[in-house]
Amino acid sequence: MNGEERLEHARERVIEAISQNMNLYGVTESIGRLYGALYFQEGPLTLDEMKEELGMSKTSMSTSVRSLLELKMVGKVWKKGVRKDLYQAEPDWYQTFIDFFSIKWRAGISINVTAMEKSLAEFQSLLEDQSVDSQVKREAQIDIEKLNDALEYYDWLNRLVDSFESREIFQFIPKRKS
């Protein structure tokens, strides 16, 4: 293997690992591959250049880029004299982690908290309803306690996400200087 082939082989190993890792968090491997490929680029690429690089259809490429933009893992950049949109991977892995997990965690928190609050209201109405059996009321009371504990957890998780977004987390777990 010559030097260029070895370079590509080493990059491909990392790109493959990134795509598999992102798949664990609900992002398709093709989107992970795109992020990995963009990460190793020296400069921003157009959709056409990315399509050529990865051999994906333009529609699939556009959808993948849109997903990466929503996750803030890729950004649009401007370059004088270039009329097409250019995209570049976010080079700061700390920020990529913060954005990716904050978006995912906030969505999960919102879904669960909304469901729990609706159920808490229903459980409370069961407790207040004189026609409801006492066994059902006991179970509703136990469920209320469980959901209140869960809501405390989601409050903690929200504060954790806040600490990532404010970068306060780095006061507790500092980045290491190389």
N, C-alpha and C. Protein backbone atom coordinates (compact mmCIF):
# COMPACT_ATOMS: atom_id res chain seq x y z
N MET A 1 0.84 -1.18 0.00
CA MET A 1 0.00 0.00 0.00
C MET A 1 0.88 1.24 0.00
N ASN A 2 0.58 2.16 -0.90
CA ASN A 2 1.35 3.40 -0.93
C ASN A 2 0.81 4.36 0.13
N GLY A 3 1.46 5.50 0.28
CA GLY A 3 1.11 6.46 1.32
C GLY A 3 -0.32 6.97 1.22
N GLU A 4 -0.76 7.28 0.00
CA GLU A 4 -2.13 7.79 -0.19
C GLU A 4 -3.17 6.74 0.18
N GLU A 5 -2.91 5.48 -0.19
CA GLU A 5 -3.83 4.39 0.16
C GLU A 5 -3.88 4.18 1.67
N ARG A 6 -2.75 4.27 2.32
CA ARG A 6 -2.70 4.12 3.78
C ARG A 6 -3.47 5.25 4.46
N LEU A 7 -3.32 6.47 3.94
CA LEU A 7 -4.04 7.62 4.47
C LEU A 7 -5.55 7.38 4.36
N GLU A 8 -6.00 6.99 3.18
CA GLU A 8 -7.43 6.73 2.96
C GLU A 8 -7.94 5.59 3.84
N HIS A 9 -7.13 4.56 3.99
CA HIS A 9 -7.50 3.42 4.83
C HIS A 9 -7.68 3.86 6.29
N ALA A 10 -6.77 4.67 6.78
CA ALA A 10 -6.85 5.16 8.16
C ALA A 10 -8.08 6.06 8.35
N ARG A 11 -8.35 6.91 7.37
CA ARG A 11 -9.53 7.77 7.44
C ARG A 11 -10.81 6.93 7.40
N GLU A 12 -10.84 5.96 6.52
CA GLU A 12 -12.03 5.11 6.36
C GLU A 12 -12.35 4.38 7.66
N ARG A 13 -11.34 3.97 8.40
CA ARG A 13 -11.55 3.29 9.68
C ARG A 13 -12.32 4.22 10.64
N VAL A 14 -11.90 5.48 10.70
CA VAL A 14 -12.55 6.45 11.58
C VAL A 14 -13.96 6.76 11.09
N ILE A 15 -14.13 6.95 9.80
CA ILE A 15 -15.44 7.24 9.23
C ILE A 15 -16.41 6.10 9.54
N GLU A 16 -15.95 4.88 9.39
CA GLU A 16 -16.79 3.71 9.68
C GLU A 16 -17.18 3.68 11.16
N ALA A 17 -16.23 3.96 12.04
CA ALA A 17 -16.52 3.97 13.48
C ALA A 17 -17.54 5.07 13.81
N ILE A 18 -17.38 6.25 13.22
CA ILE A 18 -18.31 7.35 13.46
C ILE A 18 -19.71 6.95 13.00
N SER A 19 -19.81 6.36 11.81
CA SER A 19 -21.13 6.01 11.28
C SER A 19 -21.79 4.94 12.14
N GLN A 20 -21.03 3.97 12.64
CA GLN A 20 -21.60 2.94 13.51
C GLN A 20 -22.03 3.54 14.85
N ASN A 21 -21.21 4.43 15.39
CA ASN A 21 -21.53 5.06 16.66
C ASN A 21 -22.80 5.90 16.56
N MET A 22 -22.91 6.68 15.50
CA MET A 22 -24.09 7.52 15.33
C MET A 22 -25.33 6.66 15.15
N ASN A 23 -25.18 5.50 14.54
CA ASN A 23 -26.30 4.58 14.37
C ASN A 23 -26.85 4.14 15.72
N LEU A 24 -25.99 4.01 16.73
CA LEU A 24 -26.44 3.66 18.08
C LEU A 24 -27.38 4.70 18.65
N TYR A 25 -27.27 5.94 18.17
CA TYR A 25 -28.08 7.04 18.69
C TYR A 25 -29.20 7.44 17.74
N GLY A 26 -29.56 6.54 16.85
CA GLY A 26 -30.71 6.79 15.98
C GLY A 26 -30.44 7.58 14.73
N VAL A 27 -29.19 7.74 14.37
CA VAL A 27 -28.83 8.44 13.13
C VAL A 27 -28.34 7.37 12.15
N THR A 28 -28.85 7.39 10.94
CA THR A 28 -28.50 6.35 9.99
C THR A 28 -26.99 6.33 9.71
N GLU A 29 -26.51 5.16 9.34
CA GLU A 29 -25.08 5.03 9.05
C GLU A 29 -24.67 5.91 7.89
N SER A 30 -25.54 6.09 6.90
CA SER A 30 -25.17 6.93 5.76
C SER A 30 -24.97 8.38 6.19
N ILE A 31 -25.78 8.85 7.12
CA ILE A 31 -25.60 10.21 7.64
C ILE A 31 -24.29 10.28 8.42
N GLY A 32 -24.00 9.25 9.20
CA GLY A 32 -22.74 9.19 9.93
C GLY A 32 -21.54 9.17 8.99
N ARG A 33 -21.67 8.43 7.89
CA ARG A 33 -20.58 8.39 6.89
C ARG A 33 -20.37 9.77 6.29
N LEU A 34 -21.46 10.46 6.00
CA LEU A 34 -21.35 11.80 5.43
C LEU A 34 -20.63 12.73 6.39
N TYR A 35 -21.01 12.70 7.67
CA TYR A 35 -20.33 13.54 8.65
C TYR A 35 -18.84 13.19 8.70
N GLY A 36 -18.53 11.90 8.76
CA GLY A 36 -17.14 11.47 8.81
C GLY A 36 -16.35 11.93 7.59
N ALA A 37 -16.97 11.80 6.42
CA ALA A 37 -16.30 12.23 5.19
C ALA A 37 -16.06 13.74 5.20
N LEU A 38 -17.06 14.50 5.65
CA LEU A 38 -16.91 15.96 5.72
C LEU A 38 -15.85 16.36 6.74
N TYR A 39 -15.75 15.59 7.79
CA TYR A 39 -14.78 15.90 8.85
C TYR A 39 -13.35 15.90 8.30
N PHE A 40 -13.07 14.99 7.40
CA PHE A 40 -11.70 14.88 6.87
C PHE A 40 -11.44 15.80 5.68
N GLN A 41 -12.44 16.52 5.21
CA GLN A 41 -12.24 17.44 4.09
C GLN A 41 -11.47 18.67 4.55
N GLU A 42 -10.64 19.18 3.68
CA GLU A 42 -9.86 20.38 4.01
C GLU A 42 -10.70 21.65 3.94
N GLY A 43 -11.77 21.59 3.18
CA GLY A 43 -12.63 22.76 3.04
C GLY A 43 -14.06 22.33 2.84
N PRO A 44 -14.96 23.30 2.72
CA PRO A 44 -16.37 22.97 2.55
C PRO A 44 -16.66 22.37 1.17
N LEU A 45 -17.77 21.61 1.09
CA LEU A 45 -18.16 20.96 -0.16
C LEU A 45 -19.59 21.34 -0.52
N THR A 46 -19.89 21.29 -1.81
CA THR A 46 -21.27 21.45 -2.29
C THR A 46 -21.95 20.09 -2.23
N LEU A 47 -23.27 20.08 -2.39
CA LEU A 47 -24.00 18.81 -2.44
C LEU A 47 -23.49 17.93 -3.57
N ASP A 48 -23.20 18.54 -4.72
CA ASP A 48 -22.70 17.76 -5.86
C ASP A 48 -21.35 17.11 -5.53
N GLU A 49 -20.47 17.86 -4.87
CA GLU A 49 -19.16 17.30 -4.50
C GLU A 49 -19.32 16.17 -3.48
N MET A 50 -20.24 16.33 -2.54
CA MET A 50 -20.49 15.27 -1.55
C MET A 50 -21.08 14.04 -2.22
N LYS A 51 -21.99 14.27 -3.16
CA LYS A 51 -22.61 13.16 -3.90
C LYS A 51 -21.53 12.36 -4.63
N GLU A 52 -20.61 13.07 -5.25
CA GLU A 52 -19.50 12.43 -5.96
C GLU A 52 -18.60 11.66 -4.99
N GLU A 53 -18.32 12.26 -3.85
CA GLU A 53 -17.43 11.67 -2.85
C GLU A 53 -18.00 10.37 -2.27
N LEU A 54 -19.31 10.37 -2.00
CA LEU A 54 -19.92 9.23 -1.30
C LEU A 54 -20.75 8.33 -2.20
N GLY A 55 -21.03 8.77 -3.40
CA GLY A 55 -21.83 7.94 -4.30
C GLY A 55 -23.28 7.81 -3.89
N MET A 56 -23.81 8.80 -3.19
CA MET A 56 -25.22 8.79 -2.79
C MET A 56 -26.03 9.58 -3.81
N SER A 57 -27.32 9.31 -3.86
CA SER A 57 -28.19 10.08 -4.75
C SER A 57 -28.30 11.51 -4.21
N LYS A 58 -28.65 12.44 -5.09
CA LYS A 58 -28.74 13.84 -4.67
C LYS A 58 -29.85 14.01 -3.62
N THR A 59 -30.96 13.28 -3.78
CA THR A 59 -32.06 13.36 -2.81
C THR A 59 -31.60 12.86 -1.46
N SER A 60 -30.94 11.71 -1.44
CA SER A 60 -30.44 11.14 -0.18
C SER A 60 -29.41 12.06 0.45
N MET A 61 -28.55 12.63 -0.38
CA MET A 61 -27.52 13.54 0.11
C MET A 61 -28.16 14.78 0.74
N SER A 62 -29.17 15.33 0.06
CA SER A 62 -29.85 16.52 0.56
C SER A 62 -30.53 16.23 1.91
N THR A 63 -31.19 15.09 2.01
CA THR A 63 -31.84 14.69 3.26
C THR A 63 -30.82 14.51 4.37
N SER A 64 -29.69 13.88 4.05
CA SER A 64 -28.64 13.65 5.05
C SER A 64 -28.04 14.96 5.53
N VAL A 65 -27.80 15.87 4.62
CA VAL A 65 -27.23 17.18 4.99
C VAL A 65 -28.23 17.93 5.86
N ARG A 66 -29.51 17.87 5.51
CA ARG A 66 -30.53 18.55 6.31
C ARG A 66 -30.55 17.98 7.74
N SER A 67 -30.43 16.66 7.86
CA SER A 67 -30.38 16.04 9.19
C SER A 67 -29.16 16.52 9.98
N LEU A 68 -28.01 16.57 9.33
CA LEU A 68 -26.80 17.04 10.00
C LEU A 68 -26.89 18.52 10.38
N LEU A 69 -27.56 19.31 9.55
CA LEU A 69 -27.77 20.73 9.88
C LEU A 69 -28.65 20.85 11.12
N GLU A 70 -29.73 20.05 11.19
CA GLU A 70 -30.64 20.08 12.34
C GLU A 70 -29.92 19.67 13.62
N LEU A 71 -28.98 18.72 13.50
CA LEU A 71 -28.21 18.27 14.66
C LEU A 71 -27.02 19.20 14.95
N LYS A 72 -26.84 20.22 14.12
CA LYS A 72 -25.76 21.20 14.24
C LYS A 72 -24.37 20.55 14.12
N MET A 73 -24.31 19.45 13.40
CA MET A 73 -23.03 18.77 13.19
C MET A 73 -22.36 19.27 11.92
N VAL A 74 -23.13 19.95 11.09
CA VAL A 74 -22.64 20.53 9.84
C VAL A 74 -23.19 21.94 9.77
N GLY A 75 -22.41 22.82 9.20
CA GLY A 75 -22.87 24.19 9.02
C GLY A 75 -22.70 24.64 7.59
N LYS A 76 -23.54 25.59 7.19
CA LYS A 76 -23.39 26.22 5.87
C LYS A 76 -22.30 27.26 5.99
N VAL A 77 -21.47 27.33 4.98
CA VAL A 77 -20.43 28.35 4.95
C VAL A 77 -20.51 29.13 3.64
N TRP A 78 -20.01 30.33 3.67
CA TRP A 78 -20.02 31.19 2.50
C TRP A 78 -18.60 31.30 1.98
N LYS A 79 -18.48 31.27 0.66
CA LYS A 79 -17.18 31.43 0.03
C LYS A 79 -17.36 32.35 -1.17
N LYS A 80 -16.55 33.36 -1.25
CA LYS A 80 -16.65 34.34 -2.33
C LYS A 80 -16.55 33.64 -3.69
N GLY A 81 -17.49 34.00 -4.56
CA GLY A 81 -17.47 33.48 -5.92
C GLY A 81 -18.16 32.14 -6.09
N VAL A 82 -18.62 31.52 -5.02
CA VAL A 82 -19.31 30.22 -5.12
C VAL A 82 -20.80 30.47 -4.91
N ARG A 83 -21.60 30.07 -5.91
CA ARG A 83 -23.03 30.33 -5.85
C ARG A 83 -23.80 29.22 -5.17
N LYS A 84 -23.27 28.02 -5.15
CA LYS A 84 -23.98 26.90 -4.53
C LYS A 84 -23.70 26.90 -3.02
N ASP A 85 -24.63 26.28 -2.29
CA ASP A 85 -24.44 26.15 -0.85
C ASP A 85 -23.24 25.26 -0.57
N LEU A 86 -22.45 25.67 0.39
CA LEU A 86 -21.29 24.90 0.83
C LEU A 86 -21.52 24.44 2.27
N TYR A 87 -21.06 23.23 2.56
CA TYR A 87 -21.27 22.66 3.89
C TYR A 87 -19.94 22.16 4.44
N GLN A 88 -19.82 22.30 5.76
CA GLN A 88 -18.58 21.89 6.42
C GLN A 88 -18.94 21.26 7.75
N ALA A 89 -18.21 20.21 8.12
CA ALA A 89 -18.42 19.55 9.40
C ALA A 89 -18.01 20.47 10.54
N GLU A 90 -18.74 20.42 11.63
CA GLU A 90 -18.37 21.16 12.84
C GLU A 90 -17.09 20.52 13.36
N PRO A 91 -15.99 21.27 13.42
CA PRO A 91 -14.72 20.66 13.82
C PRO A 91 -14.55 20.47 15.33
N ASP A 92 -15.37 21.17 16.12
CA ASP A 92 -15.26 21.11 17.58
C ASP A 92 -16.10 19.93 18.08
N TRP A 93 -15.44 18.83 18.44
CA TRP A 93 -16.16 17.63 18.87
C TRP A 93 -16.89 17.86 20.18
N TYR A 94 -16.39 18.72 21.03
CA TYR A 94 -17.11 19.05 22.27
C TYR A 94 -18.46 19.68 21.93
N GLN A 95 -18.43 20.66 21.02
CA GLN A 95 -19.66 21.33 20.63
C GLN A 95 -20.59 20.38 19.90
N THR A 96 -20.04 19.51 19.06
CA THR A 96 -20.86 18.53 18.35
C THR A 96 -21.58 17.63 19.35
N PHE A 97 -20.86 17.17 20.36
CA PHE A 97 -21.48 16.33 21.39
C PHE A 97 -22.59 17.10 22.10
N ILE A 98 -22.28 18.33 22.51
CA ILE A 98 -23.26 19.14 23.24
C ILE A 98 -24.51 19.34 22.40
N ASP A 99 -24.35 19.74 21.15
CA ASP A 99 -25.51 19.98 20.30
C ASP A 99 -26.30 18.71 20.04
N PHE A 100 -25.61 17.63 19.68
CA PHE A 100 -26.28 16.38 19.34
C PHE A 100 -27.09 15.86 20.53
N PHE A 101 -26.46 15.73 21.67
CA PHE A 101 -27.15 15.16 22.81
C PHE A 101 -28.17 16.12 23.41
N SER A 102 -27.92 17.41 23.37
CA SER A 102 -28.90 18.36 23.88
C SER A 102 -30.19 18.27 23.07
N ILE A 103 -30.06 18.22 21.77
CA ILE A 103 -31.24 18.11 20.90
C ILE A 103 -31.99 16.82 21.20
N LYS A 104 -31.29 15.70 21.27
CA LYS A 104 -31.91 14.40 21.52
C LYS A 104 -32.53 14.34 22.92
N TRP A 105 -31.78 14.77 23.93
CA TRP A 105 -32.28 14.71 25.30
C TRP A 105 -33.48 15.62 25.49
N ARG A 106 -33.42 16.84 24.98
CA ARG A 106 -34.55 17.76 25.13
C ARG A 106 -35.82 17.18 24.50
N ALA A 107 -35.69 16.56 23.35
CA ALA A 107 -36.87 15.96 22.71
C ALA A 107 -37.43 14.84 23.58
N GLY A 108 -36.57 13.97 24.07
CA GLY A 108 -37.02 12.88 24.92
C GLY A 108 -37.65 13.37 26.21
N ILE A 109 -37.05 14.37 26.82
CA ILE A 109 -37.58 14.94 28.06
C ILE A 109 -38.99 15.49 27.80
N SER A 110 -39.13 16.24 26.75
CA SER A 110 -40.41 16.87 26.43
C SER A 110 -41.51 15.83 26.24
N ILE A 111 -41.23 14.80 25.48
CA ILE A 111 -42.23 13.75 25.23
C ILE A 111 -42.65 13.08 26.54
N ASN A 112 -41.67 12.69 27.35
CA ASN A 112 -41.97 11.97 28.59
C ASN A 112 -42.65 12.86 29.63
N VAL A 113 -42.18 14.08 29.79
CA VAL A 113 -42.76 14.98 30.79
C VAL A 113 -44.21 15.30 30.41
N THR A 114 -44.48 15.55 29.16
CA THR A 114 -45.86 15.84 28.72
C THR A 114 -46.78 14.67 29.04
N ALA A 115 -46.35 13.45 28.72
CA ALA A 115 -47.16 12.26 29.00
C ALA A 115 -47.37 12.09 30.50
N MET A 116 -46.32 12.29 31.28
CA MET A 116 -46.42 12.12 32.73
C MET A 116 -47.34 13.16 33.36
N GLU A 117 -47.25 14.40 32.91
CA GLU A 117 -48.12 15.44 33.46
C GLU A 117 -49.58 15.17 33.15
N LYS A 118 -49.87 14.69 31.95
CA LYS A 118 -51.26 14.33 31.61
C LYS A 118 -51.74 13.17 32.48
N SER A 119 -50.88 12.17 32.66
CA SER A 119 -51.27 11.03 33.49
C SER A 119 -51.42 11.42 34.96
N LEU A 120 -50.57 12.31 35.45
CA LEU A 120 -50.71 12.78 36.83
C LEU A 120 -52.07 13.43 37.05
N ALA A 121 -52.52 14.22 36.09
CA ALA A 121 -53.83 14.86 36.20
C ALA A 121 -54.94 13.79 36.24
N GLU A 122 -54.81 12.76 35.42
CA GLU A 122 -55.80 11.67 35.42
C GLU A 122 -55.77 10.91 36.74
N PHE A 123 -54.57 10.60 37.25
CA PHE A 123 -54.46 9.90 38.54
C PHE A 123 -55.09 10.74 39.65
N GLN A 124 -54.84 12.06 39.62
CA GLN A 124 -55.40 12.95 40.64
C GLN A 124 -56.92 12.95 40.57
N SER A 125 -57.47 12.95 39.37
CA SER A 125 -58.93 12.93 39.25
C SER A 125 -59.51 11.61 39.76
N LEU A 126 -58.76 10.52 39.61
CA LEU A 126 -59.20 9.24 40.18
C LEU A 126 -59.27 9.33 41.70
N LEU A 127 -58.27 9.98 42.30
CA LEU A 127 -58.26 10.13 43.76
C LEU A 127 -59.44 10.95 44.27
N GLU A 128 -59.86 11.91 43.49
CA GLU A 128 -60.94 12.82 43.90
C GLU A 128 -62.33 12.28 43.58
N ASP A 129 -62.39 11.27 42.73
CA ASP A 129 -63.67 10.70 42.30
C ASP A 129 -64.20 9.75 43.38
N GLN A 130 -65.36 10.09 43.96
CA GLN A 130 -65.94 9.30 45.05
C GLN A 130 -66.41 7.92 44.58
N SER A 131 -66.66 7.76 43.28
CA SER A 131 -67.19 6.48 42.80
C SER A 131 -66.09 5.45 42.49
N VAL A 132 -64.82 5.86 42.60
CA VAL A 132 -63.71 4.97 42.26
C VAL A 132 -63.35 4.09 43.46
N ASP A 133 -63.13 2.82 43.17
CA ASP A 133 -62.77 1.82 44.17
C ASP A 133 -61.49 2.21 44.92
N SER A 134 -61.42 1.89 46.21
CA SER A 134 -60.27 2.26 47.04
C SER A 134 -58.98 1.60 46.56
N GLN A 135 -59.05 0.39 46.02
CA GLN A 135 -57.85 -0.28 45.50
C GLN A 135 -57.29 0.51 44.31
N VAL A 136 -58.16 0.97 43.44
CA VAL A 136 -57.72 1.77 42.28
C VAL A 136 -57.08 3.07 42.78
N LYS A 137 -57.67 3.65 43.82
CA LYS A 137 -57.11 4.89 44.39
C LYS A 137 -55.72 4.64 44.98
N ARG A 138 -55.55 3.50 45.66
CA ARG A 138 -54.21 3.19 46.21
C ARG A 138 -53.19 3.05 45.09
N GLU A 139 -53.58 2.36 44.02
CA GLU A 139 -52.67 2.19 42.88
C GLU A 139 -52.38 3.53 42.21
N ALA A 140 -53.39 4.38 42.09
CA ALA A 140 -53.18 5.71 41.50
C ALA A 140 -52.21 6.52 42.35
N GLN A 141 -52.33 6.42 43.69
CA GLN A 141 -51.43 7.14 44.59
C GLN A 141 -49.99 6.66 44.42
N ILE A 142 -49.81 5.35 44.30
CA ILE A 142 -48.46 4.78 44.08
C ILE A 142 -47.90 5.29 42.76
N ASP A 143 -48.75 5.29 41.73
CA ASP A 143 -48.30 5.77 40.42
C ASP A 143 -47.94 7.26 40.46
N ILE A 144 -48.68 8.04 41.22
CA ILE A 144 -48.37 9.47 41.36
C ILE A 144 -46.98 9.62 41.96
N GLU A 145 -46.67 8.85 42.98
CA GLU A 145 -45.36 8.92 43.62
C GLU A 145 -44.25 8.52 42.65
N LYS A 146 -44.49 7.47 41.86
CA LYS A 146 -43.50 7.05 40.86
C LYS A 146 -43.26 8.15 39.83
N LEU A 147 -44.35 8.75 39.35
CA LEU A 147 -44.19 9.79 38.33
C LEU A 147 -43.55 11.05 38.91
N ASN A 148 -43.84 11.37 40.15
CA ASN A 148 -43.17 12.53 40.76
C ASN A 148 -41.67 12.29 40.87
N ASP A 149 -41.27 11.04 41.20
CA ASP A 149 -39.84 10.70 41.21
C ASP A 149 -39.24 10.84 39.82
N ALA A 150 -39.98 10.36 38.82
CA ALA A 150 -39.49 10.45 37.44
C ALA A 150 -39.37 11.91 37.01
N LEU A 151 -40.32 12.74 37.40
CA LEU A 151 -40.26 14.16 37.05
C LEU A 151 -39.07 14.85 37.71
N GLU A 152 -38.69 14.41 38.91
CA GLU A 152 -37.48 14.94 39.54
C GLU A 152 -36.26 14.58 38.70
N TYR A 153 -36.25 13.35 38.19
CA TYR A 153 -35.15 12.93 37.30
C TYR A 153 -35.09 13.82 36.06
N TYR A 154 -36.25 14.08 35.44
CA TYR A 154 -36.25 14.90 34.23
C TYR A 154 -35.86 16.34 34.52
N ASP A 155 -36.18 16.83 35.71
CA ASP A 155 -35.70 18.15 36.11
C ASP A 155 -34.17 18.13 36.17
N TRP A 156 -33.61 17.09 36.79
CA TRP A 156 -32.15 16.95 36.87
C TRP A 156 -31.55 16.87 35.47
N LEU A 157 -32.16 16.06 34.58
CA LEU A 157 -31.64 15.91 33.22
C LEU A 157 -31.69 17.24 32.48
N ASN A 158 -32.75 18.00 32.65
CA ASN A 158 -32.83 19.34 32.04
C ASN A 158 -31.70 20.23 32.53
N ARG A 159 -31.42 20.18 33.84
CA ARG A 159 -30.33 20.99 34.38
C ARG A 159 -28.98 20.50 33.85
N LEU A 160 -28.83 19.19 33.66
CA LEU A 160 -27.60 18.65 33.06
C LEU A 160 -27.43 19.19 31.64
N VAL A 161 -28.49 19.14 30.86
CA VAL A 161 -28.43 19.66 29.49
C VAL A 161 -28.11 21.16 29.52
N ASP A 162 -28.73 21.89 30.46
CA ASP A 162 -28.41 23.32 30.60
C ASP A 162 -26.91 23.51 30.83
N SER A 163 -26.32 22.64 31.67
CA SER A 163 -24.88 22.79 31.98
C SER A 163 -24.03 22.50 30.75
N PHE A 164 -24.49 21.63 29.86
CA PHE A 164 -23.77 21.40 28.61
C PHE A 164 -23.90 22.62 27.71
N GLU A 165 -25.12 23.10 27.54
CA GLU A 165 -25.35 24.22 26.62
C GLU A 165 -24.66 25.50 27.09
N SER A 166 -24.59 25.71 28.39
CA SER A 166 -23.90 26.90 28.92
C SER A 166 -22.39 26.67 29.01
N ARG A 167 -21.96 25.43 28.77
CA ARG A 167 -20.57 24.98 28.86
C ARG A 167 -20.06 24.98 30.31
N GLU A 168 -20.97 25.15 31.26
CA GLU A 168 -20.63 25.07 32.68
C GLU A 168 -20.07 23.69 33.03
N ILE A 169 -20.46 22.68 32.27
CA ILE A 169 -19.98 21.32 32.52
C ILE A 169 -18.45 21.26 32.55
N PHE A 170 -17.81 22.13 31.78
CA PHE A 170 -16.35 22.11 31.69
C PHE A 170 -15.68 22.61 32.98
N GLN A 171 -16.46 23.24 33.86
CA GLN A 171 -15.93 23.61 35.18
C GLN A 171 -15.78 22.36 36.05
N PHE A 172 -16.64 21.38 35.81
CA PHE A 172 -16.63 20.15 36.61
C PHE A 172 -15.78 19.06 35.97
N ILE A 173 -15.82 19.02 34.64
CA ILE A 173 -15.03 18.05 33.88
C ILE A 173 -14.29 18.84 32.80
N PRO A 174 -13.13 19.38 33.15
CA PRO A 174 -12.42 20.25 32.20
C PRO A 174 -11.89 19.47 30.99
N LYS A 175 -11.81 20.19 29.89
CA LYS A 175 -11.13 19.63 28.72
C LYS A 175 -9.66 19.49 29.08
N ARG A 176 -9.04 18.46 28.55
CA ARG A 176 -7.60 18.30 28.76
C ARG A 176 -6.87 19.01 27.66
N LYS A 177 -5.84 19.72 28.03
CA LYS A 177 -4.99 20.38 27.04
C LYS A 177 -3.99 19.35 26.53
N SER A 178 -3.86 19.27 25.22
CA SER A 178 -2.91 18.29 24.64
C SER A 178 -1.50 18.76 24.74
